Every structure is written in structure tokens, then in C-alpha cells.
Amino acid sequence: MYRARDAVENEQWIAAIEEASERLDLGTETRSRAADLFLTNAPESDRSKRAVLAASVYVSALTTGERRSQSAVADATGVSRLAIQSRWKEILESAGFDAPDW
């Protein structure tokens, strides 16, 4: 879980989630879940935040039924598909879901 202060300290990243969600035409629930996932899993390093942001958007779309491909999310967030691949399962599990074995 995160604190309200975390949302304030990460305003630019939440804005980036909104921008990516707009590009991907994602709904309100998906956008909100992406922000929650990001804030719950946000690393200290700014360098890693972009990858966590992208994986959070991917997982939120996956869990709300608004599936988007890793490639589409990578393009919308400005990261490589590999960045999403390396993080999405841990974020999915942090949300209380079981990650697939494949």
C-alpha cells in the first residue's frame, strides 16, 4: 500500500500514466488501477520508474479486461517490450493475482 504523500511525490509519473492511458484509449477503472499499482510498486530510482509505470499500465489493462499488447503499451510509455516483460508478473502478483507459468 502507499501513502497519500507518495501520490504527491510521483505526480509526474501519474501524469505519464494518464498520457499513456489516453494513447491506449483505456477507461477510468484501468487508469485508476494503473496508478494504484504504480504507487504500490514504485522504486526509489527514477531510472526504474518508467519500466514499473509501463508494467503497471499493462497489468491494469490485463486485469480490467481492456487487454493491450506489451508492444502497444511499450510504445505508449516509451520503454522496450523487454522492460514490461521483466516486471509485469511481479506487479500482477503484488495485486493479488497468480502469474501464469508460461
Foldseek 3Di string as FASTA:
>chain_A
DADPVLCVVCVVLLVLLVQLCVQLVHDPQLSVQLVVLLSVPPDPDPVLSLLSSLLSSQLSCVVVVNHDDLCSSCVSSVHDSVSNVVPNQVSNVVVPDHDDPD
